[in-house]
Amino acid sequence: MNSTKSKIYDVLKGRFLTDESSFKNWRLILFVVVLLLIMITSAHRADQKVLKIAELNRLKRQLRAEFVDTGTTLMRMKLESSIRDKVKTKGLNPSKTPPQKIKVTVKKD
């Protein structure tokens, strides 16, 4: 019981870092620290990518709404009634007589 108590005190006091066999312990600690730094860096990069994806999705929704709005405006501009109103200001009116079909016949000699 006494030996386990002394081992616990040795760990709490940090004697495992100053012993003659501490080189193995330092290597393990440095390895764990490097792994932790890699993990933290990876987590930060993943968070940055998630934020970038959210921003791009927001921009995509905004551009899609603008596309639909522009398409609606174009369809309204193409309506016959809106075209009639625009050309009426220039003095053009719709024809009173319907168009006639012209038939062309080609004679072979």
PDB file of N, CA and C in Angstrom:
ATOM      1  N   MET A   1       0.829  -1.190   0.000  1.00  0.00           N
ATOM      2  CA  MET A   1       0.000   0.000   0.000  1.00  0.00           C
ATOM      3  C   MET A   1       0.870   1.248   0.000  1.00  0.00           C
ATOM      4  N   ASN A   2       1.962   1.137   0.701  1.00  0.00           N
ATOM      5  CA  ASN A   2       2.866   2.275   0.807  1.00  0.00           C
ATOM      6  C   ASN A   2       3.525   2.584  -0.538  1.00  0.00           C
ATOM      7  N   SER A   3       3.830   1.548  -1.317  1.00  0.00           N
ATOM      8  CA  SER A   3       4.494   1.762  -2.603  1.00  0.00           C
ATOM      9  C   SER A   3       3.558   2.445  -3.603  1.00  0.00           C
ATOM     10  N   THR A   4       2.286   2.100  -3.605  1.00  0.00           N
ATOM     11  CA  THR A   4       1.341   2.766  -4.508  1.00  0.00           C
ATOM     12  C   THR A   4       1.158   4.222  -4.099  1.00  0.00           C
ATOM     13  N   LYS A   5       1.175   4.461  -2.784  1.00  0.00           N
ATOM     14  CA  LYS A   5       1.036   5.826  -2.298  1.00  0.00           C
ATOM     15  C   LYS A   5       2.239   6.668  -2.719  1.00  0.00           C
ATOM     16  N   SER A   6       3.411   6.080  -2.623  1.00  0.00           N
ATOM     17  CA  SER A   6       4.621   6.812  -3.019  1.00  0.00           C
ATOM     18  C   SER A   6       4.650   7.025  -4.529  1.00  0.00           C
ATOM     19  N   LYS A   7       4.148   6.072  -5.324  1.00  0.00           N
ATOM     20  CA  LYS A   7       4.091   6.248  -6.776  1.00  0.00           C
ATOM     21  C   LYS A   7       3.148   7.378  -7.160  1.00  0.00           C
ATOM     22  N   ILE A   8       2.041   7.463  -6.467  1.00  0.00           N
ATOM     23  CA  ILE A   8       1.079   8.537  -6.745  1.00  0.00           C
ATOM     24  C   ILE A   8       1.704   9.891  -6.419  1.00  0.00           C
ATOM     25  N   TYR A   9       2.409   9.950  -5.278  1.00  0.00           N
ATOM     26  CA  TYR A   9       3.082  11.200  -4.920  1.00  0.00           C
ATOM     27  C   TYR A   9       4.173  11.553  -5.921  1.00  0.00           C
ATOM     28  N   ASP A  10       4.870  10.550  -6.410  1.00  0.00           N
ATOM     29  CA  ASP A  10       5.910  10.804  -7.408  1.00  0.00           C
ATOM     30  C   ASP A  10       5.310  11.395  -8.686  1.00  0.00           C
ATOM     31  N   VAL A  11       4.184  10.865  -9.104  1.00  0.00           N
ATOM     32  CA  VAL A  11       3.521  11.381 -10.316  1.00  0.00           C
ATOM     33  C   VAL A  11       3.024  12.799 -10.074  1.00  0.00           C
ATOM     34  N   LEU A  12       2.408  13.044  -8.909  1.00  0.00           N
ATOM     35  CA  LEU A  12       1.892  14.383  -8.612  1.00  0.00           C
ATOM     36  C   LEU A  12       3.014  15.416  -8.482  1.00  0.00           C
ATOM     37  N   LYS A  13       4.144  15.010  -7.968  1.00  0.00           N
ATOM     38  CA  LYS A  13       5.269  15.928  -7.807  1.00  0.00           C
ATOM     39  C   LYS A  13       6.067  16.093  -9.094  1.00  0.00           C
ATOM     40  N   GLY A  14       5.860  15.240 -10.064  1.00  0.00           N
ATOM     41  CA  GLY A  14       6.536  15.351 -11.341  1.00  0.00           C
ATOM     42  C   GLY A  14       7.893  14.696 -11.370  1.00  0.00           C
ATOM     43  N   ARG A  15       8.141  13.770 -10.501  1.00  0.00           N
ATOM     44  CA  ARG A  15       9.440  13.102 -10.467  1.00  0.00           C
ATOM     45  C   ARG A  15       9.650  12.213 -11.695  1.00  0.00           C
ATOM     46  N   PHE A  16       8.554  11.825 -12.337  1.00  0.00           N
ATOM     47  CA  PHE A  16       8.696  10.976 -13.536  1.00  0.00           C
ATOM     48  C   PHE A  16       9.329  11.757 -14.680  1.00  0.00           C
ATOM     49  N   LEU A  17       9.361  13.088 -14.559  1.00  0.00           N
ATOM     50  CA  LEU A  17       9.991  13.907 -15.589  1.00  0.00           C
ATOM     51  C   LEU A  17      11.469  14.186 -15.296  1.00  0.00           C
ATOM     52  N   THR A  18      11.919  13.937 -14.080  1.00  0.00           N
ATOM     53  CA  THR A  18      13.304  14.246 -13.714  1.00  0.00           C
ATOM     54  C   THR A  18      14.120  13.006 -13.387  1.00  0.00           C
ATOM     55  N   ASP A  19      13.541  11.832 -13.499  1.00  0.00           N
ATOM     56  CA  ASP A  19      14.287  10.597 -13.223  1.00  0.00           C
ATOM     57  C   ASP A  19      15.313  10.350 -14.314  1.00  0.00           C
ATOM     58  N   GLU A  20      16.102   9.310 -14.102  1.00  0.00           N
ATOM     59  CA  GLU A  20      17.085   8.934 -15.110  1.00  0.00           C
ATOM     60  C   GLU A  20      16.415   8.313 -16.338  1.00  0.00           C
ATOM     61  N   SER A  21      15.221   7.773 -16.184  1.00  0.00           N
ATOM     62  CA  SER A  21      14.497   7.204 -17.330  1.00  0.00           C
ATOM     63  C   SER A  21      13.460   8.184 -17.879  1.00  0.00           C
ATOM     64  N   SER A  22      13.663   9.460 -17.625  1.00  0.00           N
ATOM     65  CA  SER A  22      12.659  10.448 -18.034  1.00  0.00           C
ATOM     66  C   SER A  22      12.660  10.724 -19.532  1.00  0.00           C
ATOM     67  N   PHE A  23      13.748  10.336 -20.236  1.00  0.00           N
ATOM     68  CA  PHE A  23      13.800  10.575 -21.673  1.00  0.00           C
ATOM     69  C   PHE A  23      12.643   9.890 -22.388  1.00  0.00           C
ATOM     70  N   LYS A  24      12.301   8.668 -21.974  1.00  0.00           N
ATOM     71  CA  LYS A  24      11.153   7.965 -22.571  1.00  0.00           C
ATOM     72  C   LYS A  24       9.859   8.723 -22.295  1.00  0.00           C
ATOM     73  N   ASN A  25       9.738   9.227 -21.082  1.00  0.00           N
ATOM     74  CA  ASN A  25       8.526   9.955 -20.713  1.00  0.00           C
ATOM     75  C   ASN A  25       8.397  11.256 -21.516  1.00  0.00           C
ATOM     76  N   TRP A  26       9.511  11.965 -21.681  1.00  0.00           N
ATOM     77  CA  TRP A  26       9.470  13.204 -22.446  1.00  0.00           C
ATOM     78  C   TRP A  26       9.116  12.940 -23.905  1.00  0.00           C
ATOM     79  N   ARG A  27       9.646  11.863 -24.462  1.00  0.00           N
ATOM     80  CA  ARG A  27       9.299  11.534 -25.844  1.00  0.00           C
ATOM     81  C   ARG A  27       7.811  11.265 -25.983  1.00  0.00           C
ATOM     82  N   LEU A  28       7.247  10.518 -25.044  1.00  0.00           N
ATOM     83  CA  LEU A  28       5.816  10.218 -25.083  1.00  0.00           C
ATOM     84  C   LEU A  28       4.991  11.491 -24.918  1.00  0.00           C
ATOM     85  N   ILE A  29       5.410  12.357 -23.999  1.00  0.00           N
ATOM     86  CA  ILE A  29       4.670  13.601 -23.770  1.00  0.00           C
ATOM     87  C   ILE A  29       4.727  14.488 -25.016  1.00  0.00           C
ATOM     88  N   LEU A  30       5.897  14.604 -25.622  1.00  0.00           N
ATOM     89  CA  LEU A  30       6.008  15.405 -26.844  1.00  0.00           C
ATOM     90  C   LEU A  30       5.177  14.821 -27.974  1.00  0.00           C
ATOM     91  N   PHE A  31       5.145  13.505 -28.081  1.00  0.00           N
ATOM     92  CA  PHE A  31       4.327  12.849 -29.104  1.00  0.00           C
ATOM     93  C   PHE A  31       2.851  13.166 -28.885  1.00  0.00           C
ATOM     94  N   VAL A  32       2.396  13.085 -27.657  1.00  0.00           N
ATOM     95  CA  VAL A  32       0.992  13.375 -27.346  1.00  0.00           C
ATOM     96  C   VAL A  32       0.682  14.855 -27.629  1.00  0.00           C
ATOM     97  N   VAL A  33       1.616  15.752 -27.293  1.00  0.00           N
ATOM     98  CA  VAL A  33       1.398  17.174 -27.547  1.00  0.00           C
ATOM     99  C   VAL A  33       1.305  17.444 -29.049  1.00  0.00           C
ATOM    100  N   VAL A  34       2.162  16.813 -29.833  1.00  0.00           N
ATOM    101  CA  VAL A  34       2.102  16.987 -31.287  1.00  0.00           C
ATOM    102  C   VAL A  34       0.776  16.470 -31.834  1.00  0.00           C
ATOM    103  N   LEU A  35       0.327  15.330 -31.343  1.00  0.00           N
ATOM    104  CA  LEU A  35      -0.972  14.806 -31.784  1.00  0.00           C
ATOM    105  C   LEU A  35      -2.109  15.754 -31.410  1.00  0.00           C
ATOM    106  N   LEU A  36      -2.043  16.332 -30.227  1.00  0.00           N
ATOM    107  CA  LEU A  36      -3.081  17.279 -29.807  1.00  0.00           C
ATOM    108  C   LEU A  36      -3.073  18.530 -30.689  1.00  0.00           C
ATOM    109  N   LEU A  37      -1.896  19.020 -31.026  1.00  0.00           N
ATOM    110  CA  LEU A  37      -1.816  20.191 -31.904  1.00  0.00           C
ATOM    111  C   LEU A  37      -2.384  19.887 -33.288  1.00  0.00           C
ATOM    112  N   ILE A  38      -2.096  18.718 -33.794  1.00  0.00           N
ATOM    113  CA  ILE A  38      -2.649  18.311 -35.099  1.00  0.00           C
ATOM    114  C   ILE A  38      -4.172  18.220 -35.025  1.00  0.00           C
ATOM    115  N   MET A  39      -4.674  17.664 -33.934  1.00  0.00           N
ATOM    116  CA  MET A  39      -6.123  17.527 -33.775  1.00  0.00           C
ATOM    117  C   MET A  39      -6.792  18.899 -33.684  1.00  0.00           C
ATOM    118  N   ILE A  40      -6.203  19.818 -32.942  1.00  0.00           N
ATOM    119  CA  ILE A  40      -6.771  21.161 -32.804  1.00  0.00           C
ATOM    120  C   ILE A  40      -6.755  21.883 -34.146  1.00  0.00           C
ATOM    121  N   THR A  41      -5.650  21.774 -34.869  1.00  0.00           N
ATOM    122  CA  THR A  41      -5.557  22.406 -36.186  1.00  0.00           C
ATOM    123  C   THR A  41      -6.599  21.841 -37.140  1.00  0.00           C
ATOM    124  N   SER A  42      -6.758  20.546 -37.106  1.00  0.00           N
ATOM    125  CA  SER A  42      -7.743  19.900 -37.976  1.00  0.00           C
ATOM    126  C   SER A  42      -9.155  20.361 -37.626  1.00  0.00           C
ATOM    127  N   ALA A  43      -9.458  20.478 -36.350  1.00  0.00           N
ATOM    128  CA  ALA A  43     -10.790  20.927 -35.933  1.00  0.00           C
ATOM    129  C   ALA A  43     -11.048  22.362 -36.389  1.00  0.00           C
ATOM    130  N   HIS A  44     -10.037  23.219 -36.270  1.00  0.00           N
ATOM    131  CA  HIS A  44     -10.213  24.606 -36.705  1.00  0.00           C
ATOM    132  C   HIS A  44     -10.424  24.686 -38.214  1.00  0.00           C
ATOM    133  N   ARG A  45      -9.693  23.920 -38.961  1.00  0.00           N
ATOM    134  CA  ARG A  45      -9.878  23.935 -40.420  1.00  0.00           C
ATOM    135  C   ARG A  45     -11.257  23.416 -40.809  1.00  0.00           C
ATOM    136  N   ALA A  46     -11.720  22.392 -40.106  1.00  0.00           N
ATOM    137  CA  ALA A  46     -13.064  21.867 -40.392  1.00  0.00           C
ATOM    138  C   ALA A  46     -14.114  22.928 -40.086  1.00  0.00           C
ATOM    139  N   ASP A  47     -13.951  23.657 -38.984  1.00  0.00           N
ATOM    140  CA  ASP A  47     -14.891  24.733 -38.662  1.00  0.00           C
ATOM    141  C   ASP A  47     -14.873  25.822 -39.725  1.00  0.00           C
ATOM    142  N   GLN A  48     -13.687  26.169 -40.213  1.00  0.00           N
ATOM    143  CA  GLN A  48     -13.596  27.182 -41.259  1.00  0.00           C
ATOM    144  C   GLN A  48     -14.306  26.727 -42.529  1.00  0.00           C
ATOM    145  N   LYS A  49     -14.168  25.456 -42.855  1.00  0.00           N
ATOM    146  CA  LYS A  49     -14.836  24.939 -44.058  1.00  0.00           C
ATOM    147  C   LYS A  49     -16.351  24.937 -43.888  1.00  0.00           C
ATOM    148  N   VAL A  50     -16.823  24.614 -42.692  1.00  0.00           N
ATOM    149  CA  VAL A  50     -18.270  24.627 -42.442  1.00  0.00           C
ATOM    150  C   VAL A  50     -18.802  26.048 -42.589  1.00  0.00           C
ATOM    151  N   LEU A  51     -18.083  27.028 -42.063  1.00  0.00           N
ATOM    152  CA  LEU A  51     -18.518  28.422 -42.201  1.00  0.00           C
ATOM    153  C   LEU A  51     -18.508  28.865 -43.662  1.00  0.00           C
ATOM    154  N   LYS A  52     -17.510  28.451 -44.401  1.00  0.00           N
ATOM    155  CA  LYS A  52     -17.427  28.797 -45.828  1.00  0.00           C
ATOM    156  C   LYS A  52     -18.592  28.173 -46.604  1.00  0.00           C
ATOM    157  N   ILE A  53     -18.917  26.924 -46.283  1.00  0.00           N
ATOM    158  CA  ILE A  53     -20.046  26.248 -46.953  1.00  0.00           C
ATOM    159  C   ILE A  53     -21.349  26.963 -46.631  1.00  0.00           C
ATOM    160  N   ALA A  54     -21.536  27.384 -45.385  1.00  0.00           N
ATOM    161  CA  ALA A  54     -22.758  28.103 -45.010  1.00  0.00           C
ATOM    162  C   ALA A  54     -22.855  29.425 -45.763  1.00  0.00           C
ATOM    163  N   GLU A  55     -21.744  30.133 -45.892  1.00  0.00           N
ATOM    164  CA  GLU A  55     -21.737  31.398 -46.624  1.00  0.00           C
ATOM    165  C   GLU A  55     -22.053  31.175 -48.104  1.00  0.00           C
ATOM    166  N   LEU A  56     -21.480  30.142 -48.694  1.00  0.00           N
ATOM    167  CA  LEU A  56     -21.748  29.853 -50.106  1.00  0.00           C
ATOM    168  C   LEU A  56     -23.200  29.436 -50.327  1.00  0.00           C
ATOM    169  N   ASN A  57     -23.773  28.689 -49.393  1.00  0.00           N
ATOM    170  CA  ASN A  57     -25.188  28.314 -49.513  1.00  0.00           C
ATOM    171  C   ASN A  57     -26.095  29.541 -49.437  1.00  0.00           C
ATOM    172  N   ARG A  58     -25.743  30.487 -48.552  1.00  0.00           N
ATOM    173  CA  ARG A  58     -26.524  31.716 -48.442  1.00  0.00           C
ATOM    174  C   ARG A  58     -26.433  32.511 -49.749  1.00  0.00           C
ATOM    175  N   LEU A  59     -25.244  32.603 -50.303  1.00  0.00           N
ATOM    176  CA  LEU A  59     -25.062  33.307 -51.567  1.00  0.00           C
ATOM    177  C   LEU A  59     -25.811  32.617 -52.702  1.00  0.00           C
ATOM    178  N   LYS A  60     -25.814  31.277 -52.697  1.00  0.00           N
ATOM    179  CA  LYS A  60     -26.532  30.522 -53.737  1.00  0.00           C
ATOM    180  C   LYS A  60     -28.031  30.798 -53.664  1.00  0.00           C
ATOM    181  N   ARG A  61     -28.591  30.821 -52.449  1.00  0.00           N
ATOM    182  CA  ARG A  61     -30.020  31.109 -52.304  1.00  0.00           C
ATOM    183  C   ARG A  61     -30.338  32.527 -52.779  1.00  0.00           C
ATOM    184  N   GLN A  62     -29.452  33.462 -52.471  1.00  0.00           N
ATOM    185  CA  GLN A  62     -29.660  34.840 -52.894  1.00  0.00           C
ATOM    186  C   GLN A  62     -29.616  34.959 -54.417  1.00  0.00           C
ATOM    187  N   LEU A  63     -28.662  34.301 -55.050  1.00  0.00           N
ATOM    188  CA  LEU A  63     -28.557  34.360 -56.511  1.00  0.00           C
ATOM    189  C   LEU A  63     -29.724  33.657 -57.186  1.00  0.00           C
ATOM    190  N   ARG A  64     -30.206  32.563 -56.593  1.00  0.00           N
ATOM    191  CA  ARG A  64     -31.361  31.870 -57.162  1.00  0.00           C
ATOM    192  C   ARG A  64     -32.598  32.765 -57.099  1.00  0.00           C
ATOM    193  N   ALA A  65     -32.777  33.469 -55.985  1.00  0.00           N
ATOM    194  CA  ALA A  65     -33.921  34.377 -55.864  1.00  0.00           C
ATOM    195  C   ALA A  65     -33.811  35.503 -56.892  1.00  0.00           C
ATOM    196  N   GLU A  66     -32.616  36.017 -57.098  1.00  0.00           N
ATOM    197  CA  GLU A  66     -32.408  37.067 -58.101  1.00  0.00           C
ATOM    198  C   GLU A  66     -32.690  36.531 -59.501  1.00  0.00           C
ATOM    199  N   PHE A  67     -32.293  35.294 -59.781  1.00  0.00           N
ATOM    200  CA  PHE A  67     -32.552  34.676 -61.078  1.00  0.00           C
ATOM    201  C   PHE A  67     -34.055  34.540 -61.333  1.00  0.00           C
ATOM    202  N   VAL A  68     -34.781  34.074 -60.336  1.00  0.00           N
ATOM    203  CA  VAL A  68     -36.232  33.907 -60.491  1.00  0.00           C
ATOM    204  C   VAL A  68     -36.893  35.264 -60.688  1.00  0.00           C
ATOM    205  N   ASP A  69     -36.467  36.256 -59.942  1.00  0.00           N
ATOM    206  CA  ASP A  69     -37.037  37.597 -60.056  1.00  0.00           C
ATOM    207  C   ASP A  69     -36.772  38.177 -61.442  1.00  0.00           C
ATOM    208  N   THR A  70     -35.546  37.996 -61.941  1.00  0.00           N
ATOM    209  CA  THR A  70     -35.209  38.494 -63.270  1.00  0.00           C
ATOM    210  C   THR A  70     -36.017  37.772 -64.342  1.00  0.00           C
ATOM    211  N   GLY A  71     -36.196  36.454 -64.189  1.00  0.00           N
ATOM    212  CA  GLY A  71     -37.013  35.697 -65.150  1.00  0.00           C
ATOM    213  C   GLY A  71     -38.453  36.165 -65.159  1.00  0.00           C
ATOM    214  N   THR A  72     -38.996  36.480 -63.986  1.00  0.00           N
ATOM    215  CA  THR A  72     -40.373  36.982 -63.901  1.00  0.00           C
ATOM    216  C   THR A  72     -40.494  38.337 -64.588  1.00  0.00           C
ATOM    217  N   THR A  73     -39.519  39.201 -64.356  1.00  0.00           N
ATOM    218  CA  THR A  73     -39.527  40.519 -64.998  1.00  0.00           C
ATOM    219  C   THR A  73     -39.446  40.379 -66.514  1.00  0.00           C
ATOM    220  N   LEU A  74     -38.611  39.476 -66.998  1.00  0.00           N
ATOM    221  CA  LEU A  74     -38.485  39.253 -68.436  1.00  0.00           C
ATOM    222  C   LEU A  74     -39.796  38.737 -69.032  1.00  0.00           C
ATOM    223  N   MET A  75     -40.457  37.827 -68.340  1.00  0.00           N
ATOM    224  CA  MET A  75     -41.729  37.303 -68.857  1.00  0.00           C
ATOM    225  C   MET A  75     -42.781  38.407 -68.941  1.00  0.00           C
ATOM    226  N   ARG A  76     -42.777  39.314 -67.953  1.00  0.00           N
ATOM    227  CA  ARG A  76     -43.735  40.425 -68.009  1.00  0.00           C
ATOM    228  C   ARG A  76     -43.414  41.362 -69.169  1.00  0.00           C
ATOM    229  N   MET A  77     -42.133  41.562 -69.437  1.00  0.00           N
ATOM    230  CA  MET A  77     -41.746  42.447 -70.537  1.00  0.00           C
ATOM    231  C   MET A  77     -42.115  41.844 -71.892  1.00  0.00           C
ATOM    232  N   LYS A  78     -42.162  40.524 -71.996  1.00  0.00           N
ATOM    233  CA  LYS A  78     -42.477  39.856 -73.254  1.00  0.00           C
ATOM    234  C   LYS A  78     -43.980  39.792 -73.544  1.00  0.00           C
ATOM    235  N   LEU A  79     -44.814  40.108 -72.584  1.00  0.00           N
ATOM    236  CA  LEU A  79     -46.258  40.032 -72.791  1.00  0.00           C
ATOM    237  C   LEU A  79     -46.696  40.999 -73.898  1.00  0.00           C
ATOM    238  N   GLU A  80     -47.663  40.563 -74.675  1.00  0.00           N
ATOM    239  CA  GLU A  80     -48.139  41.374 -75.804  1.00  0.00           C
ATOM    240  C   GLU A  80     -48.699  42.705 -75.326  1.00  0.00           C
ATOM    241  N   SER A  81     -49.379  42.698 -74.198  1.00  0.00           N
ATOM    242  CA  SER A  81     -49.975  43.944 -73.709  1.00  0.00           C
ATOM    243  C   SER A  81     -48.896  44.959 -73.325  1.00  0.00           C
ATOM    244  N   SER A  82     -47.806  44.505 -72.732  1.00  0.00           N
ATOM    245  CA  SER A  82     -46.748  45.462 -72.369  1.00  0.00           C
ATOM    246  C   SER A  82     -46.028  45.969 -73.616  1.00  0.00           C
ATOM    247  N   ILE A  83     -45.879  45.118 -74.621  1.00  0.00           N
ATOM    248  CA  ILE A  83     -45.248  45.557 -75.876  1.00  0.00           C
ATOM    249  C   ILE A  83     -46.149  46.562 -76.580  1.00  0.00           C
ATOM    250  N   ARG A  84     -47.467  46.328 -76.591  1.00  0.00           N
ATOM    251  CA  ARG A  84     -48.408  47.277 -77.207  1.00  0.00           C
ATOM    252  C   ARG A  84     -48.325  48.641 -76.529  1.00  0.00           C
ATOM    253  N   ASP A  85     -48.265  48.657 -75.205  1.00  0.00           N
ATOM    254  CA  ASP A  85     -48.180  49.933 -74.486  1.00  0.00           C
ATOM    255  C   ASP A  85     -46.889  50.675 -74.836  1.00  0.00           C
ATOM    256  N   LYS A  86     -45.786  49.970 -74.991  1.00  0.00           N
ATOM    257  CA  LYS A  86     -44.506  50.617 -75.292  1.00  0.00           C
ATOM    258  C   LYS A  86     -44.470  51.175 -76.709  1.00  0.00           C
ATOM    259  N   VAL A  87     -45.026  50.431 -77.681  1.00  0.00           N
ATOM    260  CA  VAL A  87     -44.987  50.929 -79.062  1.00  0.00           C
ATOM    261  C   VAL A  87     -46.072  51.964 -79.322  1.00  0.00           C
ATOM    262  N   LYS A  88     -47.106  51.998 -78.501  1.00  0.00           N
ATOM    263  CA  LYS A  88     -48.161  52.989 -78.657  1.00  0.00           C
ATOM    264  C   LYS A  88     -47.610  54.390 -78.413  1.00  0.00           C
ATOM    265  N   THR A  89     -46.649  54.506 -77.495  1.00  0.00           N
ATOM    266  CA  THR A  89     -46.048  55.822 -77.237  1.00  0.00           C
ATOM    267  C   THR A  89     -45.228  56.300 -78.427  1.00  0.00           C
ATOM    268  N   LYS A  90     -44.796  55.372 -79.288  1.00  0.00           N
ATOM    269  CA  LYS A  90     -44.011  55.734 -80.476  1.00  0.00           C
ATOM    270  C   LYS A  90     -44.899  55.923 -81.708  1.00  0.00           C
ATOM    271  N   GLY A  91     -46.202  55.765 -81.524  1.00  0.00           N
ATOM    272  CA  GLY A  91     -47.127  56.010 -82.625  1.00  0.00           C
ATOM    273  C   GLY A  91     -47.489  54.773 -83.418  1.00  0.00           C
ATOM    274  N   LEU A  92     -47.127  53.604 -83.000  1.00  0.00           N
ATOM    275  CA  LEU A  92     -47.477  52.379 -83.713  1.00  0.00           C
ATOM    276  C   LEU A  92     -48.737  51.778 -83.102  1.00  0.00           C
ATOM    277  N   ASN A  93     -49.612  51.304 -83.976  1.00  0.00           N
ATOM    278  CA  ASN A  93     -50.854  50.669 -83.525  1.00  0.00           C
ATOM    279  C   ASN A  93     -50.960  49.290 -84.152  1.00  0.00           C
ATOM    280  N   PRO A  94     -51.706  48.380 -83.529  1.00  0.00           N
ATOM    281  CA  PRO A  94     -51.893  47.062 -84.150  1.00  0.00           C
ATOM    282  C   PRO A  94     -52.687  47.200 -85.456  1.00  0.00           C
ATOM    283  N   SER A  95     -52.442  46.292 -86.379  1.00  0.00           N
ATOM    284  CA  SER A  95     -53.093  46.319 -87.692  1.00  0.00           C
ATOM    285  C   SER A  95     -54.565  45.963 -87.546  1.00  0.00           C
ATOM    286  N   LYS A  96     -55.380  46.626 -88.360  1.00  0.00           N
ATOM    287  CA  LYS A  96     -56.822  46.342 -88.346  1.00  0.00           C
ATOM    288  C   LYS A  96     -57.161  45.122 -89.182  1.00  0.00           C
ATOM    289  N   THR A  97     -56.346  44.868 -90.224  1.00  0.00           N
ATOM    290  CA  THR A  97     -56.593  43.717 -91.094  1.00  0.00           C
ATOM    291  C   THR A  97     -55.587  42.620 -90.745  1.00  0.00           C
ATOM    292  N   PRO A  98     -56.040  41.398 -90.788  1.00  0.00           N
ATOM    293  CA  PRO A  98     -55.119  40.302 -90.470  1.00  0.00           C
ATOM    294  C   PRO A  98     -54.091  40.118 -91.584  1.00  0.00           C
ATOM    295  N   PRO A  99     -52.984  39.545 -91.295  1.00  0.00           N
ATOM    296  CA  PRO A  99     -51.969  39.333 -92.333  1.00  0.00           C
ATOM    297  C   PRO A  99     -52.447  38.309 -93.359  1.00  0.00           C
ATOM    298  N   GLN A 100     -51.942  38.432 -94.595  1.00  0.00           N
ATOM    299  CA  GLN A 100     -52.302  37.496 -95.658  1.00  0.00           C
ATOM    300  C   GLN A 100     -51.123  36.587 -95.943  1.00  0.00           C
ATOM    301  N   LYS A 101     -51.456  35.386 -96.316  1.00  0.00           N
ATOM    302  CA  LYS A 101     -50.432  34.407 -96.619  1.00  0.00           C
ATOM    303  C   LYS A 101     -50.029  34.541 -98.079  1.00  0.00           C
ATOM    304  N   ILE A 102     -48.743  34.587 -98.326  1.00  0.00           N
ATOM    305  CA  ILE A 102     -48.245  34.711 -99.693  1.00  0.00           C
ATOM    306  C   ILE A 102     -47.669  33.361-100.094  1.00  0.00           C
ATOM    307  N   LYS A 103     -48.153  32.848-101.221  1.00  0.00           N
ATOM    308  CA  LYS A 103     -47.649  31.568-101.714  1.00  0.00           C
ATOM    309  C   LYS A 103     -46.713  31.831-102.872  1.00  0.00           C
ATOM    310  N   VAL A 104     -45.577  31.200-102.825  1.00  0.00           N
ATOM    311  CA  VAL A 104     -44.588  31.357-103.893  1.00  0.00           C
ATOM    312  C   VAL A 104     -44.521  30.022-104.615  1.00  0.00           C
ATOM    313  N   THR A 105     -44.664  30.063-105.930  1.00  0.00           N
ATOM    314  CA  THR A 105     -44.541  28.845-106.734  1.00  0.00           C
ATOM    315  C   THR A 105     -43.322  28.998-107.633  1.00  0.00           C
ATOM    316  N   VAL A 106     -42.573  27.957-107.721  1.00  0.00           N
ATOM    317  CA  VAL A 106     -41.361  27.973-108.533  1.00  0.00           C
ATOM    318  C   VAL A 106     -41.627  27.103-109.759  1.00  0.00           C
ATOM    319  N   LYS A 107     -41.401  27.691-110.941  1.00  0.00           N
ATOM    320  CA  LYS A 107     -41.592  26.948-112.178  1.00  0.00           C
ATOM    321  C   LYS A 107     -40.270  26.385-112.610  1.00  0.00           C
ATOM    322  N   LYS A 108     -40.276  25.112-112.964  1.00  0.00           N
ATOM    323  CA  LYS A 108     -39.054  24.481-113.488  1.00  0.00           C
ATOM    324  C   LYS A 108     -39.100  24.537-115.003  1.00  0.00           C
ATOM    325  N   ASP A 109     -38.036  24.946-115.621  1.00  0.00           N
ATOM    326  CA  ASP A 109     -37.983  25.028-117.078  1.00  0.00           C
ATOM    327  C   ASP A 109     -37.526  23.755-117.717  1.00  0.00           C
TER     328      ASP A 109
END
